[in-house]
């Protein structure tokens, strides 16, 4: 039996359910990048409050994305009858 491009397999269902987790992961990477850009803008490690807020937000988004992706990976697919 061949699958059409519109037929959702198990893998594509996982990706669609965990998409918000992947989105949060991408945003957290941008947050880490912004933290390091702000900290090393003068060439030396010199963090300010704004840099620490970027780091805190990136950590929260990383943990959220990890939780969402792991939760969706453990979820059992619905049975087909």
Foldseek 3Di string as FASTA:
>chain_A
DDDDPPDDDPVNVLCVQLVVLVVLLVVLVVLVVVLVCQQCVVPHRDDDPVSVVSNVSSVVSNVVSVVSSVVSVPDDDDDDD
